[in-house]
Amino acid sequence: MQLSSNGRPIIRIDGFVRRVDPVRREVEVRAGDTTVSFDVRPDCVITLRGERVKLRLIQPQDRVRVAYTEAPGTLVATVVEVQPGGTVLP
């Protein structure tokens, strides 16, 4: 099990972006039948085609893999990686 710098376990989820709020630094991801909202802190590593990018470049319907930790009352993304092969959600 991989741990974050604060000792919390790192969890991974694959899904499709439903919503991005760059002002509040939030991203909402649809994984199967579940929608999960993540807090994207400024030190979160965000990559698109292998290049580090800003949160505002992530778009709804992008396929992503999110590594995150659980904090009291929120899920905190540590890595958001845009995956190839995104498709339109139903």
C-alpha atoms as a PDB file:
ATOM      1  CA  MET A   1       0.000   0.000   0.000  1.00  0.00           C
ATOM      2  CA  GLN A   2       1.339   3.396  -0.972  1.00  0.00           C
ATOM      3  CA  LEU A   3       1.077   6.207   1.586  1.00  0.00           C
ATOM      4  CA  SER A   4       0.963   9.963   1.052  1.00  0.00           C
ATOM      5  CA  SER A   5       3.416  12.328   2.754  1.00  0.00           C
ATOM      6  CA  ASN A   6       0.906  12.771   5.588  1.00  0.00           C
ATOM      7  CA  GLY A   7       0.679   8.990   6.136  1.00  0.00           C
ATOM      8  CA  ARG A   8      -2.754   8.487   4.597  1.00  0.00           C
ATOM      9  CA  PRO A   9      -3.262   5.617   2.107  1.00  0.00           C
ATOM     10  CA  ILE A  10      -3.360   6.618  -1.560  1.00  0.00           C
ATOM     11  CA  ILE A  11      -6.407   5.308  -3.425  1.00  0.00           C
ATOM     12  CA  ARG A  12      -6.835   5.289  -7.219  1.00  0.00           C
ATOM     13  CA  ILE A  13      -9.965   5.595  -9.332  1.00  0.00           C
ATOM     14  CA  ASP A  14     -10.527   5.628 -13.109  1.00  0.00           C
ATOM     15  CA  GLY A  15     -13.457   7.465 -14.645  1.00  0.00           C
ATOM     16  CA  PHE A  16     -14.678  10.356 -16.756  1.00  0.00           C
ATOM     17  CA  VAL A  17     -14.697  14.022 -15.795  1.00  0.00           C
ATOM     18  CA  ARG A  18     -18.227  15.314 -15.220  1.00  0.00           C
ATOM     19  CA  ARG A  19     -17.364  18.827 -14.042  1.00  0.00           C
ATOM     20  CA  VAL A  20     -14.293  20.977 -13.410  1.00  0.00           C
ATOM     21  CA  ASP A  21     -14.337  24.085 -11.223  1.00  0.00           C
ATOM     22  CA  PRO A  22     -10.904  25.740 -11.487  1.00  0.00           C
ATOM     23  CA  VAL A  23     -11.911  28.592  -9.146  1.00  0.00           C
ATOM     24  CA  ARG A  24     -12.931  26.293  -6.274  1.00  0.00           C
ATOM     25  CA  ARG A  25     -10.278  23.761  -7.391  1.00  0.00           C
ATOM     26  CA  GLU A  26     -12.707  20.867  -7.631  1.00  0.00           C
ATOM     27  CA  VAL A  27     -13.140  18.076 -10.146  1.00  0.00           C
ATOM     28  CA  GLU A  28     -16.092  15.693 -10.290  1.00  0.00           C
ATOM     29  CA  VAL A  29     -15.455  12.227 -11.757  1.00  0.00           C
ATOM     30  CA  ARG A  30     -17.956   9.583 -12.861  1.00  0.00           C
ATOM     31  CA  ALA A  31     -16.682   6.060 -12.128  1.00  0.00           C
ATOM     32  CA  GLY A  32     -19.222   3.410 -13.060  1.00  0.00           C
ATOM     33  CA  ASP A  33     -22.492   4.333 -11.367  1.00  0.00           C
ATOM     34  CA  THR A  34     -20.829   6.634  -8.842  1.00  0.00           C
ATOM     35  CA  THR A  35     -19.916  10.324  -9.065  1.00  0.00           C
ATOM     36  CA  VAL A  36     -17.060  11.418  -6.822  1.00  0.00           C
ATOM     37  CA  SER A  37     -15.960  14.995  -6.074  1.00  0.00           C
ATOM     38  CA  PHE A  38     -12.299  15.775  -5.351  1.00  0.00           C
ATOM     39  CA  ASP A  39     -10.548  18.757  -3.840  1.00  0.00           C
ATOM     40  CA  VAL A  40      -7.604  19.598  -6.137  1.00  0.00           C
ATOM     41  CA  ARG A  41      -5.019  21.421  -4.071  1.00  0.00           C
ATOM     42  CA  PRO A  42      -2.348  23.586  -5.735  1.00  0.00           C
ATOM     43  CA  ASP A  43       0.362  20.918  -5.172  1.00  0.00           C
ATOM     44  CA  CYS A  44      -1.670  18.245  -7.028  1.00  0.00           C
ATOM     45  CA  VAL A  45       0.206  16.880 -10.063  1.00  0.00           C
ATOM     46  CA  ILE A  46      -2.014  17.177 -13.166  1.00  0.00           C
ATOM     47  CA  THR A  47      -0.845  15.636 -16.439  1.00  0.00           C
ATOM     48  CA  LEU A  48      -2.232  15.631 -19.973  1.00  0.00           C
ATOM     49  CA  ARG A  49      -0.429  13.506 -22.596  1.00  0.00           C
ATOM     50  CA  GLY A  50       2.477  13.164 -20.199  1.00  0.00           C
ATOM     51  CA  GLU A  51       2.933  16.911 -19.718  1.00  0.00           C
ATOM     52  CA  ARG A  52       2.198  18.750 -16.481  1.00  0.00           C
ATOM     53  CA  VAL A  53      -0.717  21.181 -16.975  1.00  0.00           C
ATOM     54  CA  LYS A  54      -3.025  23.505 -15.056  1.00  0.00           C
ATOM     55  CA  LEU A  55      -6.398  22.314 -13.754  1.00  0.00           C
ATOM     56  CA  ARG A  56      -8.257  24.563 -16.216  1.00  0.00           C
ATOM     57  CA  LEU A  57      -7.048  22.396 -19.135  1.00  0.00           C
ATOM     58  CA  ILE A  58      -9.024  19.368 -17.948  1.00  0.00           C
ATOM     59  CA  GLN A  59     -12.371  19.178 -19.723  1.00  0.00           C
ATOM     60  CA  PRO A  60     -15.669  17.375 -19.062  1.00  0.00           C
ATOM     61  CA  GLN A  61     -15.699  13.935 -20.697  1.00  0.00           C
ATOM     62  CA  ASP A  62     -11.914  13.502 -20.380  1.00  0.00           C
ATOM     63  CA  ARG A  63     -11.005  10.016 -19.194  1.00  0.00           C
ATOM     64  CA  VAL A  64      -8.891  10.331 -16.032  1.00  0.00           C
ATOM     65  CA  ARG A  65      -7.094   8.353 -13.372  1.00  0.00           C
ATOM     66  CA  VAL A  66      -7.130  10.084  -9.985  1.00  0.00           C
ATOM     67  CA  ALA A  67      -4.897   9.181  -7.060  1.00  0.00           C
ATOM     68  CA  TYR A  68      -6.304  10.598  -3.837  1.00  0.00           C
ATOM     69  CA  THR A  69      -6.350  10.464  -0.065  1.00  0.00           C
ATOM     70  CA  GLU A  70      -9.246  10.744   2.325  1.00  0.00           C
ATOM     71  CA  ALA A  71      -9.223  13.720   4.672  1.00  0.00           C
ATOM     72  CA  PRO A  72     -11.932  14.626   7.176  1.00  0.00           C
ATOM     73  CA  GLY A  73     -14.983  15.582   5.098  1.00  0.00           C
ATOM     74  CA  THR A  74     -13.252  15.537   1.690  1.00  0.00           C
ATOM     75  CA  LEU A  75     -11.311  13.519  -0.865  1.00  0.00           C
ATOM     76  CA  VAL A  76      -8.023  15.188  -1.816  1.00  0.00           C
ATOM     77  CA  ALA A  77      -6.547  14.486  -5.261  1.00  0.00           C
ATOM     78  CA  THR A  78      -2.774  14.024  -5.260  1.00  0.00           C
ATOM     79  CA  VAL A  79      -2.461  13.146  -8.981  1.00  0.00           C
ATOM     80  CA  VAL A  80      -4.906  13.673 -11.851  1.00  0.00           C
ATOM     81  CA  GLU A  81      -3.789  12.011 -15.077  1.00  0.00           C
ATOM     82  CA  VAL A  82      -5.798  12.506 -18.267  1.00  0.00           C
ATOM     83  CA  GLN A  83      -5.845   9.144 -20.078  1.00  0.00           C
ATOM     84  CA  PRO A  84      -5.943   8.589 -23.853  1.00  0.00           C
ATOM     85  CA  GLY A  85      -9.185   7.430 -25.414  1.00  0.00           C
ATOM     86  CA  GLY A  86     -11.758   9.662 -23.732  1.00  0.00           C
ATOM     87  CA  THR A  87     -15.347   9.214 -24.910  1.00  0.00           C
ATOM     88  CA  VAL A  88     -18.593  11.118 -24.604  1.00  0.00           C
ATOM     89  CA  LEU A  89     -20.645  10.180 -21.574  1.00  0.00           C
ATOM     90  CA  PRO A  90     -24.269   9.125 -22.045  1.00  0.00           C
END
